[in-house]
Amino acid sequence: MRRTSLLLNILKETKVGYTSMTSKPVPVILCGRDKATGGPVTELIKPEIEVVRFINSTEVGKKEIPVLLAGQKVDPSTIDEVGTLNFERTPQAIIFGGAFTRENIEEMREACGGKFNVPWLQRGPDADARSAGQKYPEFVAKSVKAVISDLQKKGLMEKDGIYFW
């Protein structure tokens, strides 16, 4: 009991949160057509989720997603300023904005050859995201955080599949 209270006092004095000692942000790839939306979404999903790479086309996704999921780095000439570019941790999920169709997502999954067990998060058919107007990034961030949290609780973060946000 004394050790526990000592640890709690140390945490309070150093202002270290309980979760920061035990969990790191979930590294993800964010796919969206527009970095004007992708940038704000990237910021709003922090600190729980870390966008390591922003991809804005199916063609780039087919080339880079398999490389990133294999734990390798991508060609720096294709990188823009959205995302941390922290390739030290392998992405644990791929998130798609509404501009990507199921067909686009399937093309990228096929490019991975079934080698990786990660969730692929697609905007749900009932998600009336665009009606959120200028609050669209907030809508996306809230929805994605909820789905990632739910997948973690259910133990599905290492299971290949398409899930709606």
C-alpha atoms as a PDB file:
ATOM      1  CA  MET A   1       0.000   0.000   0.000  1.00  0.00           C
ATOM      2  CA  ARG A   2       2.818   2.383   0.895  1.00  0.00           C
ATOM      3  CA  ARG A   3       4.508   1.737  -2.479  1.00  0.00           C
ATOM      4  CA  THR A   4       1.293   2.540  -4.315  1.00  0.00           C
ATOM      5  CA  SER A   5       0.818   5.871  -2.575  1.00  0.00           C
ATOM      6  CA  LEU A   6       4.487   6.712  -3.126  1.00  0.00           C
ATOM      7  CA  LEU A   7       4.093   6.026  -6.837  1.00  0.00           C
ATOM      8  CA  LEU A   8       0.933   8.151  -6.983  1.00  0.00           C
ATOM      9  CA  ASN A   9       2.744  11.040  -5.290  1.00  0.00           C
ATOM     10  CA  ILE A  10       5.620  10.768  -7.759  1.00  0.00           C
ATOM     11  CA  LEU A  11       3.158  10.802 -10.654  1.00  0.00           C
ATOM     12  CA  LYS A  12       1.421  13.888  -9.271  1.00  0.00           C
ATOM     13  CA  GLU A  13       4.695  15.719  -8.667  1.00  0.00           C
ATOM     14  CA  THR A  14       6.051  14.961 -12.128  1.00  0.00           C
ATOM     15  CA  LYS A  15       2.659  15.543 -13.774  1.00  0.00           C
ATOM     16  CA  VAL A  16       2.916  12.247 -15.635  1.00  0.00           C
ATOM     17  CA  GLY A  17      -0.492  10.857 -16.501  1.00  0.00           C
ATOM     18  CA  TYR A  18      -1.347   7.290 -15.670  1.00  0.00           C
ATOM     19  CA  THR A  19      -2.052   6.389 -19.288  1.00  0.00           C
ATOM     20  CA  SER A  20       1.095   7.990 -20.654  1.00  0.00           C
ATOM     21  CA  MET A  21       3.132   5.447 -18.743  1.00  0.00           C
ATOM     22  CA  THR A  22       1.243   2.464 -20.111  1.00  0.00           C
ATOM     23  CA  SER A  23      -0.012   3.394 -23.565  1.00  0.00           C
ATOM     24  CA  LYS A  24       1.315   5.095 -26.648  1.00  0.00           C
ATOM     25  CA  PRO A  25      -0.726   6.672 -29.414  1.00  0.00           C
ATOM     26  CA  VAL A  26      -2.008   4.193 -31.973  1.00  0.00           C
ATOM     27  CA  PRO A  27       0.017   4.744 -35.173  1.00  0.00           C
ATOM     28  CA  VAL A  28      -2.200   4.923 -38.268  1.00  0.00           C
ATOM     29  CA  ILE A  29      -2.220   5.811 -41.931  1.00  0.00           C
ATOM     30  CA  LEU A  30      -4.839   8.408 -42.847  1.00  0.00           C
ATOM     31  CA  CYS A  31      -6.151   8.405 -46.409  1.00  0.00           C
ATOM     32  CA  GLY A  32      -8.016  11.446 -47.667  1.00  0.00           C
ATOM     33  CA  ARG A  33      -8.267  13.360 -50.905  1.00  0.00           C
ATOM     34  CA  ASP A  34      -7.702  16.763 -49.313  1.00  0.00           C
ATOM     35  CA  LYS A  35      -4.921  17.663 -46.902  1.00  0.00           C
ATOM     36  CA  ALA A  36      -6.917  20.767 -45.941  1.00  0.00           C
ATOM     37  CA  THR A  37      -9.176  18.291 -44.116  1.00  0.00           C
ATOM     38  CA  GLY A  38      -6.528  15.664 -43.372  1.00  0.00           C
ATOM     39  CA  GLY A  39      -4.348  18.161 -41.507  1.00  0.00           C
ATOM     40  CA  PRO A  40      -7.025  19.179 -38.982  1.00  0.00           C
ATOM     41  CA  VAL A  41      -8.175  15.556 -38.542  1.00  0.00           C
ATOM     42  CA  THR A  42      -4.554  14.571 -37.855  1.00  0.00           C
ATOM     43  CA  GLU A  43      -4.365  17.162 -35.069  1.00  0.00           C
ATOM     44  CA  LEU A  44      -7.804  16.431 -33.604  1.00  0.00           C
ATOM     45  CA  ILE A  45      -7.264  12.684 -33.148  1.00  0.00           C
ATOM     46  CA  LYS A  46      -4.206  13.299 -30.960  1.00  0.00           C
ATOM     47  CA  PRO A  47      -3.081  12.209 -28.399  1.00  0.00           C
ATOM     48  CA  GLU A  48      -4.800   8.820 -28.686  1.00  0.00           C
ATOM     49  CA  ILE A  49      -3.957   8.334 -32.355  1.00  0.00           C
ATOM     50  CA  GLU A  50      -0.838   9.313 -34.319  1.00  0.00           C
ATOM     51  CA  VAL A  51      -1.095   9.771 -38.075  1.00  0.00           C
ATOM     52  CA  VAL A  52       2.290   8.646 -39.347  1.00  0.00           C
ATOM     53  CA  ARG A  53       1.456   9.142 -43.025  1.00  0.00           C
ATOM     54  CA  PHE A  54      -1.264  10.924 -45.006  1.00  0.00           C
ATOM     55  CA  ILE A  55      -2.081   9.376 -48.398  1.00  0.00           C
ATOM     56  CA  ASN A  56      -4.265  11.196 -50.905  1.00  0.00           C
ATOM     57  CA  SER A  57      -4.806   8.684 -53.722  1.00  0.00           C
ATOM     58  CA  THR A  58      -5.529   5.032 -54.334  1.00  0.00           C
ATOM     59  CA  GLU A  59      -2.429   4.688 -56.506  1.00  0.00           C
ATOM     60  CA  VAL A  60      -0.110   6.022 -53.785  1.00  0.00           C
ATOM     61  CA  GLY A  61      -1.922   3.867 -51.231  1.00  0.00           C
ATOM     62  CA  LYS A  62      -1.394   0.711 -53.282  1.00  0.00           C
ATOM     63  CA  LYS A  63       2.344   1.436 -53.385  1.00  0.00           C
ATOM     64  CA  GLU A  64       2.958   2.760 -49.886  1.00  0.00           C
ATOM     65  CA  ILE A  65       0.552   0.982 -47.535  1.00  0.00           C
ATOM     66  CA  PRO A  66       2.212  -2.452 -48.017  1.00  0.00           C
ATOM     67  CA  VAL A  67       5.639  -0.869 -47.466  1.00  0.00           C
ATOM     68  CA  LEU A  68       4.554   0.922 -44.283  1.00  0.00           C
ATOM     69  CA  LEU A  69       2.737  -2.127 -42.891  1.00  0.00           C
ATOM     70  CA  ALA A  70       5.927  -4.137 -43.457  1.00  0.00           C
ATOM     71  CA  GLY A  71       7.687  -1.691 -41.132  1.00  0.00           C
ATOM     72  CA  GLN A  72       9.696   0.003 -43.857  1.00  0.00           C
ATOM     73  CA  LYS A  73      10.048   3.641 -44.842  1.00  0.00           C
ATOM     74  CA  VAL A  74       8.578   5.168 -47.979  1.00  0.00           C
ATOM     75  CA  ASP A  75      10.235   7.322 -50.623  1.00  0.00           C
ATOM     76  CA  PRO A  76      10.555  10.799 -49.089  1.00  0.00           C
ATOM     77  CA  SER A  77       9.791  12.512 -52.418  1.00  0.00           C
ATOM     78  CA  THR A  78       6.139  11.396 -52.126  1.00  0.00           C
ATOM     79  CA  ILE A  79       5.647  12.832 -48.648  1.00  0.00           C
ATOM     80  CA  ASP A  80       3.786  16.033 -47.829  1.00  0.00           C
ATOM     81  CA  GLU A  81       3.612  17.822 -44.497  1.00  0.00           C
ATOM     82  CA  VAL A  82       0.606  15.980 -42.994  1.00  0.00           C
ATOM     83  CA  GLY A  83       1.446  13.329 -40.407  1.00  0.00           C
ATOM     84  CA  THR A  84       4.400  12.770 -38.112  1.00  0.00           C
ATOM     85  CA  LEU A  85       6.392  10.623 -40.571  1.00  0.00           C
ATOM     86  CA  ASN A  86       7.438   8.575 -37.540  1.00  0.00           C
ATOM     87  CA  PHE A  87       8.086   5.274 -39.286  1.00  0.00           C
ATOM     88  CA  GLU A  88       9.696   3.705 -36.201  1.00  0.00           C
ATOM     89  CA  ARG A  89       6.336   2.142 -35.256  1.00  0.00           C
ATOM     90  CA  THR A  90       4.309   0.128 -37.737  1.00  0.00           C
ATOM     91  CA  PRO A  91       0.824   1.500 -38.452  1.00  0.00           C
ATOM     92  CA  GLN A  92      -1.900  -0.438 -36.656  1.00  0.00           C
ATOM     93  CA  ALA A  93      -4.869   0.786 -38.721  1.00  0.00           C
ATOM     94  CA  ILE A  94      -5.709   2.552 -41.957  1.00  0.00           C
ATOM     95  CA  ILE A  95      -8.383   5.263 -41.877  1.00  0.00           C
ATOM     96  CA  PHE A  96     -10.219   6.420 -45.015  1.00  0.00           C
ATOM     97  CA  GLY A  97     -12.112   9.619 -45.600  1.00  0.00           C
ATOM     98  CA  GLY A  98     -15.424   9.645 -47.419  1.00  0.00           C
ATOM     99  CA  ALA A  99     -13.853  10.228 -50.841  1.00  0.00           C
ATOM    100  CA  PHE A 100     -12.541   6.653 -50.864  1.00  0.00           C
ATOM    101  CA  THR A 101     -15.013   4.028 -52.049  1.00  0.00           C
ATOM    102  CA  ARG A 102     -15.160   0.395 -50.958  1.00  0.00           C
ATOM    103  CA  GLU A 103     -13.633  -0.458 -54.343  1.00  0.00           C
ATOM    104  CA  ASN A 104     -10.665   1.887 -53.661  1.00  0.00           C
ATOM    105  CA  ILE A 105     -10.127   0.311 -50.252  1.00  0.00           C
ATOM    106  CA  GLU A 106     -10.313  -3.211 -51.673  1.00  0.00           C
ATOM    107  CA  GLU A 107      -7.674  -2.298 -54.289  1.00  0.00           C
ATOM    108  CA  MET A 108      -5.315  -1.175 -51.524  1.00  0.00           C
ATOM    109  CA  ARG A 109      -6.036  -4.264 -49.429  1.00  0.00           C
ATOM    110  CA  GLU A 110      -5.315  -6.479 -52.438  1.00  0.00           C
ATOM    111  CA  ALA A 111      -1.991  -4.684 -52.922  1.00  0.00           C
ATOM    112  CA  CYS A 112      -1.093  -5.888 -49.408  1.00  0.00           C
ATOM    113  CA  GLY A 113      -1.590  -9.509 -50.482  1.00  0.00           C
ATOM    114  CA  GLY A 114      -3.340 -10.549 -47.266  1.00  0.00           C
ATOM    115  CA  LYS A 115      -0.063 -10.310 -45.339  1.00  0.00           C
ATOM    116  CA  PHE A 116      -1.159  -7.799 -42.699  1.00  0.00           C
ATOM    117  CA  ASN A 117      -3.770  -8.003 -39.980  1.00  0.00           C
ATOM    118  CA  VAL A 118      -4.951  -4.449 -39.436  1.00  0.00           C
ATOM    119  CA  PRO A 119      -8.368  -2.823 -39.405  1.00  0.00           C
ATOM    120  CA  TRP A 120      -9.312  -0.715 -42.420  1.00  0.00           C
ATOM    121  CA  LEU A 121     -11.703   2.020 -41.310  1.00  0.00           C
ATOM    122  CA  GLN A 122     -14.171   3.293 -43.905  1.00  0.00           C
ATOM    123  CA  ARG A 123     -16.748   6.034 -43.511  1.00  0.00           C
ATOM    124  CA  GLY A 124     -20.051   4.335 -42.844  1.00  0.00           C
ATOM    125  CA  PRO A 125     -22.991   4.611 -45.221  1.00  0.00           C
ATOM    126  CA  ASP A 126     -25.097   6.210 -42.485  1.00  0.00           C
ATOM    127  CA  ALA A 127     -22.439   8.776 -41.530  1.00  0.00           C
ATOM    128  CA  ASP A 128     -23.809  12.065 -42.796  1.00  0.00           C
ATOM    129  CA  ALA A 129     -20.404  13.636 -42.356  1.00  0.00           C
ATOM    130  CA  ARG A 130     -20.603  16.370 -44.986  1.00  0.00           C
ATOM    131  CA  SER A 131     -23.707  17.826 -43.339  1.00  0.00           C
ATOM    132  CA  ALA A 132     -21.359  18.655 -40.470  1.00  0.00           C
ATOM    133  CA  GLY A 133     -20.031  21.451 -42.717  1.00  0.00           C
ATOM    134  CA  GLN A 134     -16.982  23.164 -41.290  1.00  0.00           C
ATOM    135  CA  LYS A 135     -17.154  20.811 -38.336  1.00  0.00           C
ATOM    136  CA  TYR A 136     -16.336  17.863 -40.593  1.00  0.00           C
ATOM    137  CA  PRO A 137     -12.819  17.321 -39.142  1.00  0.00           C
ATOM    138  CA  GLU A 138     -14.298  17.250 -35.622  1.00  0.00           C
ATOM    139  CA  PHE A 139     -16.932  14.741 -36.750  1.00  0.00           C
ATOM    140  CA  VAL A 140     -14.289  12.496 -38.317  1.00  0.00           C
ATOM    141  CA  ALA A 141     -11.961  12.703 -35.294  1.00  0.00           C
ATOM    142  CA  LYS A 142     -14.711  11.865 -32.805  1.00  0.00           C
ATOM    143  CA  SER A 143     -15.992   8.962 -34.916  1.00  0.00           C
ATOM    144  CA  VAL A 144     -12.544   7.499 -35.586  1.00  0.00           C
ATOM    145  CA  LYS A 145     -11.495   7.741 -31.922  1.00  0.00           C
ATOM    146  CA  ALA A 146     -14.670   5.901 -30.893  1.00  0.00           C
ATOM    147  CA  VAL A 147     -14.138   3.092 -33.427  1.00  0.00           C
ATOM    148  CA  ILE A 148     -10.443   2.623 -32.536  1.00  0.00           C
ATOM    149  CA  SER A 149     -11.339   2.525 -28.834  1.00  0.00           C
ATOM    150  CA  ASP A 150     -14.075  -0.031 -29.508  1.00  0.00           C
ATOM    151  CA  LEU A 151     -11.751  -2.213 -31.606  1.00  0.00           C
ATOM    152  CA  GLN A 152      -9.130  -2.099 -28.846  1.00  0.00           C
ATOM    153  CA  LYS A 153     -11.680  -3.153 -26.208  1.00  0.00           C
ATOM    154  CA  LYS A 154     -12.857  -6.034 -28.407  1.00  0.00           C
ATOM    155  CA  GLY A 155      -9.312  -7.170 -29.222  1.00  0.00           C
ATOM    156  CA  LEU A 156      -9.759  -6.531 -32.941  1.00  0.00           C
ATOM    157  CA  MET A 157      -6.828  -4.204 -33.608  1.00  0.00           C
ATOM    158  CA  GLU A 158      -4.818  -7.096 -35.041  1.00  0.00           C
ATOM    159  CA  LYS A 159      -7.623  -8.456 -37.202  1.00  0.00           C
ATOM    160  CA  ASP A 160      -7.881  -7.709 -40.900  1.00  0.00           C
ATOM    161  CA  GLY A 161     -11.265  -6.361 -41.867  1.00  0.00           C
ATOM    162  CA  ILE A 162     -13.177  -3.288 -42.956  1.00  0.00           C
ATOM    163  CA  TYR A 163     -14.987  -1.458 -40.185  1.00  0.00           C
ATOM    164  CA  PHE A 164     -17.188   1.624 -40.465  1.00  0.00           C
ATOM    165  CA  TRP A 165     -16.559   4.843 -38.571  1.00  0.00           C
END
